[in-house]
Protein backbone atom coordinates (compact mmCIF):
# COMPACT_ATOMS: atom_id res chain seq x y z
CA UNK A 1 102.87 86.15 90.42
CA UNK A 2 103.78 87.68 87.64
CA UNK A 3 101.79 90.74 88.06
CA UNK A 4 104.24 91.91 90.65
CA UNK A 5 106.51 92.70 87.96
CA UNK A 6 104.39 95.22 86.49
CA UNK A 7 104.73 93.84 82.96
CA UNK A 8 102.98 96.21 81.23
CA UNK A 9 104.87 98.79 82.21
CA UNK A 10 108.07 96.88 81.97
CA UNK A 11 107.00 95.82 78.63
CA UNK A 12 106.27 99.67 77.62
CA UNK A 13 110.03 100.32 79.12
CA UNK A 14 111.46 97.89 77.05
CA UNK A 15 109.79 99.34 73.70
CA UNK A 16 111.39 102.77 74.63
CA UNK A 17 114.67 100.90 74.66
CA UNK A 18 114.23 99.07 71.03
CA UNK A 19 113.03 102.76 69.73
CA UNK A 20 116.20 103.92 70.97
CA UNK A 21 118.09 101.53 69.15
CA UNK A 22 116.05 102.20 66.35
CA UNK A 23 116.68 105.65 65.68
CA UNK A 24 120.51 105.49 66.43
CA UNK A 25 123.11 105.82 63.86
CA UNK A 26 125.47 102.81 63.33
CA UNK A 27 125.79 99.53 62.22
CA UNK A 28 123.12 97.26 62.05
CA UNK A 29 122.68 95.78 65.72
CA UNK A 30 121.56 92.32 64.39
CA UNK A 31 119.18 90.21 65.50
CA UNK A 32 120.65 88.63 69.01
CA UNK A 33 121.66 92.21 69.92
CA UNK A 34 117.87 93.36 69.41
CA UNK A 35 116.68 90.56 71.48
CA UNK A 36 119.33 90.86 74.41
CA UNK A 37 118.45 94.22 74.78
CA UNK A 38 114.92 93.73 74.77
CA UNK A 39 115.51 90.84 77.69
CA UNK A 40 117.86 93.12 79.68
CA UNK A 41 115.68 96.11 79.80
CA UNK A 42 112.52 93.87 80.38
CA UNK A 43 114.02 91.92 83.24
CA UNK A 44 115.51 95.25 85.11
CA UNK A 45 112.16 97.07 84.65
CA UNK A 46 110.39 93.69 86.56
CA UNK A 47 113.05 93.66 89.12
CA UNK A 48 112.00 97.85 89.57
CA UNK A 49 108.69 96.87 89.43
CA UNK A 50 108.62 94.08 91.61
CA UNK A 51 110.70 96.16 94.45
CA UNK A 52 107.95 98.38 94.33
CA UNK A 53 105.11 96.43 95.18
CA UNK A 54 107.49 95.10 97.84
CA UNK A 55 108.55 98.29 99.38
CA UNK A 56 105.01 99.77 99.12
CA UNK A 57 103.39 96.46 100.76
CA UNK A 58 101.75 98.40 103.51
CA UNK A 59 100.82 101.56 101.97
CA UNK A 60 98.75 99.49 98.87
CA UNK A 61 96.13 98.29 101.47
CA UNK A 62 95.10 101.73 101.60
CA UNK A 63 94.04 102.39 97.68
CA UNK A 64 91.08 100.42 96.16
CA UNK A 65 93.41 100.56 92.70
CA UNK A 66 96.07 98.60 94.72
CA UNK A 67 94.58 96.78 97.43
CA UNK A 68 94.37 93.74 95.13
CA UNK A 69 98.00 93.12 94.75
CA UNK A 70 99.85 89.60 95.42
CA UNK A 71 101.55 90.82 98.42
CA UNK A 72 98.61 93.11 100.13
CA UNK A 73 96.30 89.64 99.36
CA UNK A 74 98.66 87.20 101.04
CA UNK A 75 98.89 85.47 97.18
CA UNK A 76 102.65 85.67 97.97
CA UNK A 77 104.60 85.95 101.00
CA UNK A 78 105.87 89.17 101.83
CA UNK A 79 109.45 87.83 102.68
CA UNK A 80 113.20 88.92 102.36
CA UNK A 81 113.80 85.92 99.79
CA UNK A 82 112.03 88.65 97.14
CA UNK A 83 114.93 90.99 97.61
CA UNK A 84 117.07 88.09 97.02
CA UNK A 85 115.22 87.85 93.57
CA UNK A 86 114.87 91.37 92.61
CA UNK A 87 118.76 91.92 92.91
CA UNK A 88 119.49 88.64 90.88
CA UNK A 89 117.44 89.63 88.32
CA UNK A 90 118.51 93.19 88.27
CA UNK A 91 121.98 91.70 88.08
CA UNK A 92 121.84 89.41 85.58
CA UNK A 93 120.31 92.03 83.61
CA UNK A 94 123.10 94.69 84.23
CA UNK A 95 125.50 91.96 83.53
CA UNK A 96 124.40 90.35 80.33
CA UNK A 97 124.08 94.14 78.91
CA UNK A 98 127.86 95.27 79.68
CA UNK A 99 128.58 91.34 78.23
CA UNK A 100 127.14 91.43 75.10
CA UNK A 101 126.15 95.22 74.28
CA UNK A 102 128.73 97.38 76.21
CA UNK A 103 129.26 99.07 79.45
CA UNK A 104 127.50 102.34 78.90
CA UNK A 105 124.41 100.41 77.74
CA UNK A 106 124.56 98.43 80.94
CA UNK A 107 124.99 101.95 82.93
CA UNK A 108 121.63 103.02 81.34
CA UNK A 109 120.09 99.53 82.11
CA UNK A 110 120.81 100.09 85.68
CA UNK A 111 120.11 103.63 86.28
CA UNK A 112 116.67 103.13 85.02
CA UNK A 113 115.93 100.33 87.14
CA UNK A 114 117.35 102.42 90.39
CA UNK A 115 115.66 105.38 89.91
CA UNK A 116 112.01 103.75 89.62
CA UNK A 117 112.89 101.32 92.55
CA UNK A 118 115.29 103.62 94.80
CA UNK A 119 114.97 107.23 93.69
CA UNK A 120 111.26 107.20 92.97
CA UNK A 121 109.76 104.49 95.34
CA UNK A 122 111.95 104.83 98.45
CA UNK A 123 113.23 108.35 98.38
CA UNK A 124 110.47 110.49 96.87
CA UNK A 125 107.39 108.83 96.35
CA UNK A 126 105.78 110.07 100.09
CA UNK A 127 108.16 113.10 100.53
CA UNK A 128 107.58 115.09 97.76
CA UNK A 129 105.19 116.25 94.28
CA UNK A 130 108.19 115.80 92.28
CA UNK A 131 108.50 112.08 92.73
CA UNK A 132 107.05 111.43 89.10
CA UNK A 133 108.79 114.14 87.54
CA UNK A 134 112.31 112.50 88.53
CA UNK A 135 111.07 108.95 88.36
CA UNK A 136 110.18 109.78 84.98
CA UNK A 137 114.14 109.41 84.17
CA UNK A 138 113.19 105.84 84.17
CA UNK A 139 112.01 105.56 80.73
CA UNK A 140 114.33 108.18 79.50
CA UNK A 141 117.70 105.74 80.51
CA UNK A 142 115.79 103.17 78.65
CA UNK A 143 115.71 104.83 75.52
CA UNK A 144 119.38 105.93 76.19
CA UNK A 145 120.36 102.16 76.45
CA UNK A 146 118.77 101.47 73.12
CA UNK A 147 121.18 104.12 71.60
CA UNK A 148 124.29 102.94 73.48
CA UNK A 149 123.64 99.27 72.46
CA UNK A 150 124.22 100.61 68.63
CA UNK A 151 126.67 103.54 69.21
CA UNK A 152 128.06 104.73 72.65
CA UNK A 153 128.52 108.15 70.65
CA UNK A 154 124.72 108.67 70.94
CA UNK A 155 123.08 110.78 68.78
CA UNK A 156 120.68 114.06 69.21
CA UNK A 157 117.38 111.76 67.98
CA UNK A 158 118.23 109.81 70.97
CA UNK A 159 118.58 112.47 73.00
CA UNK A 160 115.51 113.94 72.34
CA UNK A 161 113.26 111.20 72.44
CA UNK A 162 114.31 110.73 75.91
CA UNK A 163 113.75 114.09 76.89
CA UNK A 164 110.10 113.71 75.32
CA UNK A 165 109.87 110.55 77.89
CA UNK A 166 110.63 112.67 80.66
CA UNK A 167 108.26 114.87 79.81
CA UNK A 168 105.64 112.51 78.97
CA UNK A 169 105.68 110.91 82.54
CA UNK A 170 104.76 113.87 84.73
CA UNK A 171 101.61 115.05 82.67
CA UNK A 172 100.88 110.87 82.25
CA UNK A 173 101.03 110.25 85.72
CA UNK A 174 99.36 113.42 86.92
CA UNK A 175 96.02 112.90 84.74
CA UNK A 176 95.60 109.58 86.99
CA UNK A 177 96.65 110.87 90.09
CA UNK A 178 93.53 113.54 89.53
CA UNK A 179 91.35 110.87 88.99
CA UNK A 180 92.39 108.82 92.03
CA UNK A 181 93.21 111.80 93.98
CA UNK A 182 90.79 110.90 97.34
CA UNK A 183 93.15 107.47 97.41
CA UNK A 184 96.46 109.81 97.29
CA UNK A 185 95.43 111.42 99.74
CA UNK A 186 93.96 108.85 102.18
CA UNK A 187 97.34 106.92 101.60
CA UNK A 188 99.24 109.93 102.35
CA UNK A 189 101.17 110.32 99.03
CA UNK A 190 102.01 113.90 97.72
CA UNK A 191 100.92 113.72 93.99
CA UNK A 192 100.37 116.96 92.37
CA UNK A 193 96.70 116.99 92.97
CA UNK A 194 97.11 116.11 96.86
CA UNK A 195 99.26 118.97 97.42
CA UNK A 196 97.94 122.04 95.23
CA UNK A 197 94.49 121.05 94.41
CA UNK A 198 92.68 119.52 91.58
CA UNK A 199 92.13 122.49 89.56
CA UNK A 200 95.89 124.01 89.54
CA UNK A 201 96.63 120.46 88.83
CA UNK A 202 94.77 120.20 85.89
CA UNK A 203 96.23 123.65 84.56
CA UNK A 204 99.68 121.92 85.23
CA UNK A 205 98.80 119.00 83.48
CA UNK A 206 97.75 121.20 80.34
CA UNK A 207 101.20 123.53 80.20
CA UNK A 208 103.13 120.19 80.64
CA UNK A 209 101.13 118.66 77.86
CA UNK A 210 102.15 121.62 75.54
CA UNK A 211 105.75 121.56 76.58
CA UNK A 212 105.89 117.59 75.66
CA UNK A 213 103.82 118.68 72.34
CA UNK A 214 106.58 120.76 71.41
CA UNK A 215 109.06 119.14 72.48
CA UNK A 216 108.38 115.77 70.71
CA UNK A 217 108.32 117.87 67.35
CA UNK A 218 112.03 118.71 67.81
CA UNK A 219 113.80 115.40 66.31
CA UNK A 220 112.42 116.80 62.65
CA UNK A 221 115.22 119.37 62.62
CA UNK A 222 117.61 116.63 63.41
CA UNK A 223 116.76 113.97 60.71
CA UNK A 224 113.39 112.61 61.53
CA UNK A 225 111.03 112.55 58.42
CA UNK A 226 107.51 112.97 57.70
CA UNK A 227 106.18 109.92 58.95
CA UNK A 228 107.81 110.71 62.67
CA UNK A 229 106.05 114.68 62.33
CA UNK A 230 102.66 112.95 61.39
CA UNK A 231 102.92 110.57 64.43
CA UNK A 232 104.43 113.24 66.80
CA UNK A 233 101.92 115.95 65.90
CA UNK A 234 98.76 113.88 65.56
CA UNK A 235 99.29 111.99 69.00
CA UNK A 236 100.69 115.38 70.31
CA UNK A 237 97.92 117.23 69.08
CA UNK A 238 95.20 115.17 70.66
CA UNK A 239 96.52 115.26 74.11
CA UNK A 240 97.29 118.51 74.20
CA UNK A 241 93.12 118.81 73.45
CA UNK A 242 92.49 116.30 76.24
CA UNK A 243 94.49 118.16 78.46
CA UNK A 244 92.60 121.52 77.65
CA UNK A 245 89.49 119.66 78.36
CA UNK A 246 90.52 118.57 81.55
CA UNK A 247 91.57 121.84 82.63
CA UNK A 248 88.26 123.62 81.50
CA UNK A 249 86.40 121.03 83.42
CA UNK A 250 88.49 118.92 85.83
CA UNK A 251 86.68 115.78 86.91
CA UNK A 252 87.52 112.22 87.24
CA UNK A 253 86.16 111.71 83.53
CA UNK A 254 88.03 114.19 81.97
CA UNK A 255 91.07 112.95 83.92
CA UNK A 256 90.73 109.65 82.65
CA UNK A 257 90.60 110.93 79.05
CA UNK A 258 93.59 112.67 79.44
CA UNK A 259 95.17 109.62 80.88
CA UNK A 260 94.34 107.74 77.94
CA UNK A 261 95.16 110.04 75.03
CA UNK A 262 98.85 110.21 76.66
CA UNK A 263 99.01 106.59 76.03
CA UNK A 264 98.02 107.16 72.45
CA UNK A 265 100.28 110.00 72.39
CA UNK A 266 103.09 107.39 73.29
CA UNK A 267 102.15 104.56 71.29
CA UNK A 268 101.79 107.02 68.06
CA UNK A 269 105.03 108.34 69.00
CA UNK A 270 106.96 105.17 69.31
CA UNK A 271 105.43 103.67 66.24
CA UNK A 272 106.22 106.71 64.50
CA UNK A 273 109.75 106.70 65.34
CA UNK A 274 110.35 103.20 64.75
CA UNK A 275 108.87 103.39 61.01
CA UNK A 276 110.50 106.71 60.17
CA UNK A 277 113.95 104.99 60.99
CA UNK A 278 113.36 102.18 58.52
CA UNK A 279 112.56 104.04 55.50
């Protein structure tokens, strides 16, 4: 049952919100605020993840990667009662953020879930290759939710980290889409490799990884220190290298190499940003 909430993705979104809180200037939020932010973002992200699986029930049957999901296998009944639970989770998370954090943070918590559930899943996923580009704003809003929880006057570092999350999402998912291009095509999902072909998509992944790597270094000019620089430079450099390998020889193997490199890049960046903020 818990798998429908996409808890791995939700947990990562929660971490980005906590990093946004960590890099913000202002009074120390205290353990209670940190916990409230974490729970609110986790619940909101989980609600959008569950809606994604509920809405994608039919198309999930067409892809090997998703045909084992609970709504598809029948492990969970695909009933409208789930929509009530999803709405309740989102309402509680946004209301709690507004009450215990502040209204601006609550708006960003809501927007993160809204962009994934409605803008990405309903409006764009089956209509445009820009689906994951716009949908990537979900992670950006989580960073801003964390930053606003500390200080509604959001600083440059938080905005730059939000930009990094926005730029990270497309090459991350396009790498995976290159590896599973045939499945996306069979399911009628116009991911970039389906629309322009694997070779051109691999080139776009490389250009996107370079743009991401350069942008991830900009916080150094706005107060981030040497620890952040080391994490951003090493992770970004490795992702660019793996994207270059993918562009030279597009294949499932090199695409998955770029995909895992993107995960490492984000992990190093978030860890470095957190440690740097504590020094």
